[in-house]
């Protein structure tokens, strides 16, 4: 496998909407880009070592809208409009609530070196390993209004995919808060399906959509334990550490 230096990696994060006041330091001194439609946070983002990129999306105080807008960055749709970043063949995305350091990037690079099949994606398994099927994720998501609002459409999609042998119920669930893309052209169709379906259904629960559309790409995806790459995040105390079994 080719040698990957930190400076070969485009590191991206984002926030869309209003009302967030927690932003972490950029993990490295180069190629860290933060996307947002909120110019009020620009100075703080720059002070944390990020390059700020403005995205001309409507900025409103609505969880569904902001969450869906963030998928434009998470699933690399932004490359269609910000083509200056296409030169990067390695992209690390993480949610703005994560505090990522050099050590986490080193772990990802080491995972790539240890896998001779050259995965196109490195992603962590779900933080709650008690969830064994896609229906477990659906049921848990129903406790959050922004997810359950359009869940009927998502359930119809799941059933249709299973019926047509395009999905199995016990598909491995992943946490999409941190994703490493490695020479990613081959998996762009999967990312487009996730983004387009989420937008069409107004469904921001992308971990369910990831499970649906990743099924036929599993040979290109390396899934690691959640605790193998475990940066601090502001929801960490919500989870029972006994669920994070080594």
C-alpha atoms as a PDB file:
ATOM      1  CA  UNK A   1       0.000   0.000   0.000  1.00  0.00           C
ATOM      2  CA  UNK A   2       1.129   3.554  -0.702  1.00  0.00           C
ATOM      3  CA  UNK A   3       2.630   5.600   2.088  1.00  0.00           C
ATOM      4  CA  UNK A   4       0.128   8.070   3.600  1.00  0.00           C
ATOM      5  CA  UNK A   5       1.360  11.120   5.456  1.00  0.00           C
ATOM      6  CA  UNK A   6      -0.924  13.325   7.523  1.00  0.00           C
ATOM      7  CA  UNK A   7      -0.433  16.060   4.941  1.00  0.00           C
ATOM      8  CA  UNK A   8      -1.853  13.768   2.257  1.00  0.00           C
ATOM      9  CA  UNK A   9      -5.199  13.726   4.071  1.00  0.00           C
ATOM     10  CA  UNK A  10      -7.995  16.270   3.745  1.00  0.00           C
ATOM     11  CA  UNK A  11      -9.607  16.564   7.155  1.00  0.00           C
ATOM     12  CA  UNK A  12     -13.159  17.872   7.134  1.00  0.00           C
ATOM     13  CA  UNK A  13     -15.897  18.677   9.596  1.00  0.00           C
ATOM     14  CA  UNK A  14     -18.964  20.890   9.534  1.00  0.00           C
ATOM     15  CA  UNK A  15     -21.847  22.552  11.301  1.00  0.00           C
ATOM     16  CA  UNK A  16     -25.055  23.784   9.694  1.00  0.00           C
ATOM     17  CA  UNK A  17     -27.669  25.910  11.405  1.00  0.00           C
ATOM     18  CA  UNK A  18     -27.511  27.980  14.565  1.00  0.00           C
ATOM     19  CA  UNK A  19     -27.134  27.362  18.267  1.00  0.00           C
ATOM     20  CA  UNK A  20     -23.876  25.412  18.599  1.00  0.00           C
ATOM     21  CA  UNK A  21     -21.173  26.743  20.923  1.00  0.00           C
ATOM     22  CA  UNK A  22     -18.714  23.823  21.129  1.00  0.00           C
ATOM     23  CA  UNK A  23     -15.990  23.604  18.500  1.00  0.00           C
ATOM     24  CA  UNK A  24     -12.714  21.752  18.914  1.00  0.00           C
ATOM     25  CA  UNK A  25      -9.188  22.493  17.775  1.00  0.00           C
ATOM     26  CA  UNK A  26      -8.225  21.226  14.329  1.00  0.00           C
ATOM     27  CA  UNK A  27      -6.263  17.966  14.723  1.00  0.00           C
ATOM     28  CA  UNK A  28      -3.336  19.009  12.513  1.00  0.00           C
ATOM     29  CA  UNK A  29      -1.798  22.205  11.160  1.00  0.00           C
ATOM     30  CA  UNK A  30      -2.615  21.563   7.509  1.00  0.00           C
ATOM     31  CA  UNK A  31      -5.554  20.618   5.272  1.00  0.00           C
ATOM     32  CA  UNK A  32      -8.227  20.948   7.974  1.00  0.00           C
ATOM     33  CA  UNK A  33     -11.380  22.455   6.481  1.00  0.00           C
ATOM     34  CA  UNK A  34     -14.573  23.304   8.352  1.00  0.00           C
ATOM     35  CA  UNK A  35     -17.739  23.868   6.296  1.00  0.00           C
ATOM     36  CA  UNK A  36     -20.718  25.872   7.483  1.00  0.00           C
ATOM     37  CA  UNK A  37     -23.560  28.114   6.420  1.00  0.00           C
ATOM     38  CA  UNK A  38     -23.189  30.155   9.611  1.00  0.00           C
ATOM     39  CA  UNK A  39     -20.796  33.090   9.234  1.00  0.00           C
ATOM     40  CA  UNK A  40     -21.198  33.929  12.923  1.00  0.00           C
ATOM     41  CA  UNK A  41     -18.894  31.044  13.838  1.00  0.00           C
ATOM     42  CA  UNK A  42     -16.219  31.829  11.246  1.00  0.00           C
ATOM     43  CA  UNK A  43     -13.798  33.672  13.562  1.00  0.00           C
ATOM     44  CA  UNK A  44     -13.957  30.979  16.225  1.00  0.00           C
ATOM     45  CA  UNK A  45     -13.440  28.207  13.686  1.00  0.00           C
ATOM     46  CA  UNK A  46     -10.376  29.963  12.260  1.00  0.00           C
ATOM     47  CA  UNK A  47      -9.034  30.559  15.787  1.00  0.00           C
ATOM     48  CA  UNK A  48      -9.194  26.779  16.328  1.00  0.00           C
ATOM     49  CA  UNK A  49      -6.856  26.167  13.389  1.00  0.00           C
ATOM     50  CA  UNK A  50      -9.409  25.321  10.698  1.00  0.00           C
ATOM     51  CA  UNK A  51      -9.842  26.818   7.263  1.00  0.00           C
ATOM     52  CA  UNK A  52     -13.437  28.061   7.062  1.00  0.00           C
ATOM     53  CA  UNK A  53     -15.479  27.314   3.939  1.00  0.00           C
ATOM     54  CA  UNK A  54     -18.846  29.002   3.597  1.00  0.00           C
ATOM     55  CA  UNK A  55     -21.659  26.898   2.100  1.00  0.00           C
ATOM     56  CA  UNK A  56     -24.571  28.896   0.754  1.00  0.00           C
ATOM     57  CA  UNK A  57     -27.358  26.915   2.399  1.00  0.00           C
ATOM     58  CA  UNK A  58     -30.267  28.479   4.257  1.00  0.00           C
ATOM     59  CA  UNK A  59     -29.425  28.779   7.955  1.00  0.00           C
ATOM     60  CA  UNK A  60     -32.399  28.104  10.217  1.00  0.00           C
ATOM     61  CA  UNK A  61     -32.917  26.747  13.715  1.00  0.00           C
ATOM     62  CA  UNK A  62     -34.259  23.354  12.671  1.00  0.00           C
ATOM     63  CA  UNK A  63     -32.606  20.060  13.608  1.00  0.00           C
ATOM     64  CA  UNK A  64     -33.748  18.120  10.555  1.00  0.00           C
ATOM     65  CA  UNK A  65     -32.650  20.812   8.099  1.00  0.00           C
ATOM     66  CA  UNK A  66     -29.235  21.288   9.696  1.00  0.00           C
ATOM     67  CA  UNK A  67     -28.635  17.571  10.016  1.00  0.00           C
ATOM     68  CA  UNK A  68     -29.558  16.910   6.386  1.00  0.00           C
ATOM     69  CA  UNK A  69     -27.348  19.766   5.213  1.00  0.00           C
ATOM     70  CA  UNK A  70     -24.399  18.231   7.051  1.00  0.00           C
ATOM     71  CA  UNK A  71     -24.706  15.084   4.907  1.00  0.00           C
ATOM     72  CA  UNK A  72     -23.540  17.204   1.967  1.00  0.00           C
ATOM     73  CA  UNK A  73     -20.131  17.203   3.645  1.00  0.00           C
ATOM     74  CA  UNK A  74     -20.189  13.802   5.349  1.00  0.00           C
ATOM     75  CA  UNK A  75     -20.942  11.887   2.156  1.00  0.00           C
ATOM     76  CA  UNK A  76     -18.588  13.946  -0.049  1.00  0.00           C
ATOM     77  CA  UNK A  77     -21.286  15.619  -2.111  1.00  0.00           C
ATOM     78  CA  UNK A  78     -19.405  18.882  -1.619  1.00  0.00           C
ATOM     79  CA  UNK A  79     -16.693  17.683  -4.033  1.00  0.00           C
ATOM     80  CA  UNK A  80     -19.075  18.416  -6.895  1.00  0.00           C
ATOM     81  CA  UNK A  81     -19.013  22.128  -5.987  1.00  0.00           C
ATOM     82  CA  UNK A  82     -15.625  22.500  -4.266  1.00  0.00           C
ATOM     83  CA  UNK A  83     -13.590  20.695  -6.900  1.00  0.00           C
ATOM     84  CA  UNK A  84     -10.300  22.142  -5.623  1.00  0.00           C
ATOM     85  CA  UNK A  85     -10.438  19.413  -2.979  1.00  0.00           C
ATOM     86  CA  UNK A  86     -10.675  16.587  -5.501  1.00  0.00           C
ATOM     87  CA  UNK A  87      -6.876  16.378  -5.536  1.00  0.00           C
ATOM     88  CA  UNK A  88      -7.060  14.659  -2.147  1.00  0.00           C
ATOM     89  CA  UNK A  89      -7.485  10.901  -2.428  1.00  0.00           C
ATOM     90  CA  UNK A  90      -7.666  10.430   1.330  1.00  0.00           C
ATOM     91  CA  UNK A  91     -10.364  12.262   3.298  1.00  0.00           C
ATOM     92  CA  UNK A  92     -11.128  12.048   7.003  1.00  0.00           C
ATOM     93  CA  UNK A  93     -14.579  13.240   8.004  1.00  0.00           C
ATOM     94  CA  UNK A  94     -15.758  13.561  11.582  1.00  0.00           C
ATOM     95  CA  UNK A  95     -18.712  15.250  13.268  1.00  0.00           C
ATOM     96  CA  UNK A  96     -17.855  18.561  14.910  1.00  0.00           C
ATOM     97  CA  UNK A  97     -18.707  17.101  18.337  1.00  0.00           C
ATOM     98  CA  UNK A  98     -15.594  14.868  18.185  1.00  0.00           C
ATOM     99  CA  UNK A  99     -12.213  15.993  19.475  1.00  0.00           C
ATOM    100  CA  UNK A 100      -9.785  14.284  17.114  1.00  0.00           C
ATOM    101  CA  UNK A 101      -6.001  14.272  17.575  1.00  0.00           C
ATOM    102  CA  UNK A 102      -2.960  13.127  15.583  1.00  0.00           C
ATOM    103  CA  UNK A 103      -3.011   9.826  17.451  1.00  0.00           C
ATOM    104  CA  UNK A 104      -6.425   8.956  16.038  1.00  0.00           C
ATOM    105  CA  UNK A 105      -5.231   9.659  12.506  1.00  0.00           C
ATOM    106  CA  UNK A 106      -2.175   7.478  13.127  1.00  0.00           C
ATOM    107  CA  UNK A 107      -4.445   4.626  14.207  1.00  0.00           C
ATOM    108  CA  UNK A 108      -6.454   4.891  10.986  1.00  0.00           C
ATOM    109  CA  UNK A 109      -3.307   4.898   8.849  1.00  0.00           C
ATOM    110  CA  UNK A 110      -2.020   1.826  10.709  1.00  0.00           C
ATOM    111  CA  UNK A 111      -5.329   0.043  10.111  1.00  0.00           C
ATOM    112  CA  UNK A 112      -4.941   0.684   6.388  1.00  0.00           C
ATOM    113  CA  UNK A 113      -1.366  -0.640   6.403  1.00  0.00           C
ATOM    114  CA  UNK A 114      -2.506  -3.797   8.182  1.00  0.00           C
ATOM    115  CA  UNK A 115      -5.132  -4.574   5.525  1.00  0.00           C
ATOM    116  CA  UNK A 116      -3.709  -5.829   2.273  1.00  0.00           C
ATOM    117  CA  UNK A 117      -7.069  -5.600   0.501  1.00  0.00           C
ATOM    118  CA  UNK A 118      -6.792  -1.787   0.510  1.00  0.00           C
ATOM    119  CA  UNK A 119     -10.234  -0.834   1.895  1.00  0.00           C
ATOM    120  CA  UNK A 120     -11.908   2.255   0.492  1.00  0.00           C
ATOM    121  CA  UNK A 121     -13.504   3.114   3.816  1.00  0.00           C
ATOM    122  CA  UNK A 122     -12.525   2.735   7.453  1.00  0.00           C
ATOM    123  CA  UNK A 123     -15.460   3.166   9.815  1.00  0.00           C
ATOM    124  CA  UNK A 124     -16.232   2.199  13.383  1.00  0.00           C
ATOM    125  CA  UNK A 125     -18.897  -0.267  14.428  1.00  0.00           C
ATOM    126  CA  UNK A 126     -21.873   1.045  16.363  1.00  0.00           C
ATOM    127  CA  UNK A 127     -21.013   2.203  19.870  1.00  0.00           C
ATOM    128  CA  UNK A 128     -23.857   0.090  21.300  1.00  0.00           C
ATOM    129  CA  UNK A 129     -22.938  -3.482  20.394  1.00  0.00           C
ATOM    130  CA  UNK A 130     -26.216  -4.788  21.799  1.00  0.00           C
ATOM    131  CA  UNK A 131     -27.881  -3.647  18.568  1.00  0.00           C
ATOM    132  CA  UNK A 132     -27.683  -6.693  16.328  1.00  0.00           C
ATOM    133  CA  UNK A 133     -30.072  -5.900  13.479  1.00  0.00           C
ATOM    134  CA  UNK A 134     -31.179  -2.929  11.443  1.00  0.00           C
ATOM    135  CA  UNK A 135     -34.526  -3.129  13.243  1.00  0.00           C
ATOM    136  CA  UNK A 136     -32.759  -2.475  16.549  1.00  0.00           C
ATOM    137  CA  UNK A 137     -31.469   0.793  15.099  1.00  0.00           C
ATOM    138  CA  UNK A 138     -34.910   1.661  13.744  1.00  0.00           C
ATOM    139  CA  UNK A 139     -36.518   1.038  17.138  1.00  0.00           C
ATOM    140  CA  UNK A 140     -33.965   3.111  19.026  1.00  0.00           C
ATOM    141  CA  UNK A 141     -34.192   5.924  16.492  1.00  0.00           C
ATOM    142  CA  UNK A 142     -37.927   6.132  17.050  1.00  0.00           C
ATOM    143  CA  UNK A 143     -37.251   7.804  20.402  1.00  0.00           C
ATOM    144  CA  UNK A 144     -35.914  10.889  18.584  1.00  0.00           C
ATOM    145  CA  UNK A 145     -38.488  13.063  16.864  1.00  0.00           C
ATOM    146  CA  UNK A 146     -36.246  14.155  13.998  1.00  0.00           C
ATOM    147  CA  UNK A 147     -35.664  10.504  13.066  1.00  0.00           C
ATOM    148  CA  UNK A 148     -39.128   9.047  13.623  1.00  0.00           C
ATOM    149  CA  UNK A 149     -40.934  11.823  11.735  1.00  0.00           C
ATOM    150  CA  UNK A 150     -40.353  10.159   8.362  1.00  0.00           C
ATOM    151  CA  UNK A 151     -39.417   6.671   9.540  1.00  0.00           C
ATOM    152  CA  UNK A 152     -42.349   5.014   7.726  1.00  0.00           C
ATOM    153  CA  UNK A 153     -40.665   5.747   4.391  1.00  0.00           C
ATOM    154  CA  UNK A 154     -37.377   4.370   5.653  1.00  0.00           C
ATOM    155  CA  UNK A 155     -39.057   1.188   6.928  1.00  0.00           C
ATOM    156  CA  UNK A 156     -40.664   0.695   3.520  1.00  0.00           C
ATOM    157  CA  UNK A 157     -37.220   1.012   1.932  1.00  0.00           C
ATOM    158  CA  UNK A 158     -35.709  -1.533   4.332  1.00  0.00           C
ATOM    159  CA  UNK A 159     -38.453  -4.051   3.643  1.00  0.00           C
ATOM    160  CA  UNK A 160     -38.102  -3.564  -0.091  1.00  0.00           C
ATOM    161  CA  UNK A 161     -34.321  -4.044   0.014  1.00  0.00           C
ATOM    162  CA  UNK A 162     -34.664  -7.216   2.095  1.00  0.00           C
ATOM    163  CA  UNK A 163     -37.378  -8.558  -0.224  1.00  0.00           C
ATOM    164  CA  UNK A 164     -35.082  -8.045  -3.221  1.00  0.00           C
ATOM    165  CA  UNK A 165     -32.063  -9.624  -1.504  1.00  0.00           C
ATOM    166  CA  UNK A 166     -30.246  -6.292  -1.383  1.00  0.00           C
ATOM    167  CA  UNK A 167     -30.031  -6.251   2.410  1.00  0.00           C
ATOM    168  CA  UNK A 168     -29.989  -8.618   5.372  1.00  0.00           C
ATOM    169  CA  UNK A 169     -31.530  -7.794   8.733  1.00  0.00           C
ATOM    170  CA  UNK A 170     -28.356  -8.539  10.677  1.00  0.00           C
ATOM    171  CA  UNK A 171     -26.188  -6.152   8.665  1.00  0.00           C
ATOM    172  CA  UNK A 172     -23.356  -4.781  10.820  1.00  0.00           C
ATOM    173  CA  UNK A 173     -24.351  -1.408  12.236  1.00  0.00           C
ATOM    174  CA  UNK A 174     -21.804   1.394  12.078  1.00  0.00           C
ATOM    175  CA  UNK A 175     -21.274   4.777  13.659  1.00  0.00           C
ATOM    176  CA  UNK A 176     -21.063   7.353  10.862  1.00  0.00           C
ATOM    177  CA  UNK A 177     -19.634  10.097  13.065  1.00  0.00           C
ATOM    178  CA  UNK A 178     -16.089   9.379  11.878  1.00  0.00           C
ATOM    179  CA  UNK A 179     -15.300   8.021   8.412  1.00  0.00           C
ATOM    180  CA  UNK A 180     -12.010   7.688   6.555  1.00  0.00           C
ATOM    181  CA  UNK A 181     -12.259   7.624   2.755  1.00  0.00           C
ATOM    182  CA  UNK A 182      -9.338   6.042   0.901  1.00  0.00           C
ATOM    183  CA  UNK A 183      -9.140   6.320  -2.910  1.00  0.00           C
ATOM    184  CA  UNK A 184     -12.885   6.599  -2.721  1.00  0.00           C
ATOM    185  CA  UNK A 185     -14.080   6.796  -6.365  1.00  0.00           C
ATOM    186  CA  UNK A 186     -15.422   3.248  -6.278  1.00  0.00           C
ATOM    187  CA  UNK A 187     -17.773   3.943  -3.377  1.00  0.00           C
ATOM    188  CA  UNK A 188     -19.129   7.321  -4.561  1.00  0.00           C
ATOM    189  CA  UNK A 189     -22.330   5.630  -5.897  1.00  0.00           C
ATOM    190  CA  UNK A 190     -23.028   4.303  -2.392  1.00  0.00           C
ATOM    191  CA  UNK A 191     -22.481   7.733  -0.857  1.00  0.00           C
ATOM    192  CA  UNK A 192     -24.762   9.314  -3.450  1.00  0.00           C
ATOM    193  CA  UNK A 193     -27.500   6.795  -2.640  1.00  0.00           C
ATOM    194  CA  UNK A 194     -27.255   7.622   1.068  1.00  0.00           C
ATOM    195  CA  UNK A 195     -27.296  11.370   0.460  1.00  0.00           C
ATOM    196  CA  UNK A 196     -30.060  11.320  -2.149  1.00  0.00           C
ATOM    197  CA  UNK A 197     -32.339   9.025  -0.132  1.00  0.00           C
ATOM    198  CA  UNK A 198     -31.883  11.050   3.034  1.00  0.00           C
ATOM    199  CA  UNK A 199     -32.746  14.233   1.169  1.00  0.00           C
ATOM    200  CA  UNK A 200     -35.747  12.696  -0.598  1.00  0.00           C
ATOM    201  CA  UNK A 201     -37.171  11.096   2.544  1.00  0.00           C
ATOM    202  CA  UNK A 202     -36.128  13.991   4.806  1.00  0.00           C
ATOM    203  CA  UNK A 203     -34.493  11.313   6.938  1.00  0.00           C
ATOM    204  CA  UNK A 204     -31.374  12.475   8.813  1.00  0.00           C
ATOM    205  CA  UNK A 205     -30.762   9.058  10.428  1.00  0.00           C
ATOM    206  CA  UNK A 206     -27.855   8.237   8.146  1.00  0.00           C
ATOM    207  CA  UNK A 207     -26.685   5.224  10.160  1.00  0.00           C
ATOM    208  CA  UNK A 208     -29.761   3.339   8.975  1.00  0.00           C
ATOM    209  CA  UNK A 209     -29.219   4.513   5.406  1.00  0.00           C
ATOM    210  CA  UNK A 210     -25.556   3.515   5.669  1.00  0.00           C
ATOM    211  CA  UNK A 211     -26.607   0.012   6.708  1.00  0.00           C
ATOM    212  CA  UNK A 212     -29.008  -0.203   3.764  1.00  0.00           C
ATOM    213  CA  UNK A 213     -26.662   0.934   1.028  1.00  0.00           C
ATOM    214  CA  UNK A 214     -23.354  -0.423   2.325  1.00  0.00           C
ATOM    215  CA  UNK A 215     -24.494  -4.034   1.967  1.00  0.00           C
ATOM    216  CA  UNK A 216     -23.166  -4.574  -1.538  1.00  0.00           C
ATOM    217  CA  UNK A 217     -19.966  -2.656  -0.771  1.00  0.00           C
ATOM    218  CA  UNK A 218     -18.926  -4.569   2.341  1.00  0.00           C
ATOM    219  CA  UNK A 219     -15.849  -5.966   0.587  1.00  0.00           C
ATOM    220  CA  UNK A 220     -14.567  -2.387   0.266  1.00  0.00           C
ATOM    221  CA  UNK A 221     -15.227  -1.365   3.869  1.00  0.00           C
ATOM    222  CA  UNK A 222     -13.076  -2.043   6.913  1.00  0.00           C
ATOM    223  CA  UNK A 223     -15.101  -1.906  10.126  1.00  0.00           C
ATOM    224  CA  UNK A 224     -13.212  -1.552  13.394  1.00  0.00           C
ATOM    225  CA  UNK A 225     -14.330  -1.635  16.991  1.00  0.00           C
ATOM    226  CA  UNK A 226     -15.740   1.639  18.263  1.00  0.00           C
ATOM    227  CA  UNK A 227     -13.117   1.796  21.005  1.00  0.00           C
ATOM    228  CA  UNK A 228     -10.232   1.295  18.551  1.00  0.00           C
ATOM    229  CA  UNK A 229     -10.575   4.912  17.386  1.00  0.00           C
ATOM    230  CA  UNK A 230     -12.250   6.684  20.251  1.00  0.00           C
ATOM    231  CA  UNK A 231     -11.904  10.475  20.390  1.00  0.00           C
ATOM    232  CA  UNK A 232     -13.622  12.464  23.095  1.00  0.00           C
ATOM    233  CA  UNK A 233     -17.115  13.512  22.129  1.00  0.00           C
ATOM    234  CA  UNK A 234     -19.769  15.542  23.872  1.00  0.00           C
ATOM    235  CA  UNK A 235     -22.324  12.686  23.973  1.00  0.00           C
ATOM    236  CA  UNK A 236     -19.910  10.188  25.510  1.00  0.00           C
ATOM    237  CA  UNK A 237     -21.502  10.221  28.955  1.00  0.00           C
ATOM    238  CA  UNK A 238     -24.818   9.166  27.445  1.00  0.00           C
ATOM    239  CA  UNK A 239     -23.530   5.666  26.718  1.00  0.00           C
ATOM    240  CA  UNK A 240     -23.034   2.899  29.217  1.00  0.00           C
ATOM    241  CA  UNK A 241     -19.324   1.970  29.017  1.00  0.00           C
ATOM    242  CA  UNK A 242     -20.236  -1.667  29.706  1.00  0.00           C
ATOM    243  CA  UNK A 243     -21.724  -1.769  26.205  1.00  0.00           C
ATOM    244  CA  UNK A 244     -18.324  -1.011  24.683  1.00  0.00           C
ATOM    245  CA  UNK A 245     -16.879  -4.470  25.051  1.00  0.00           C
ATOM    246  CA  UNK A 246     -13.387  -5.181  23.728  1.00  0.00           C
END
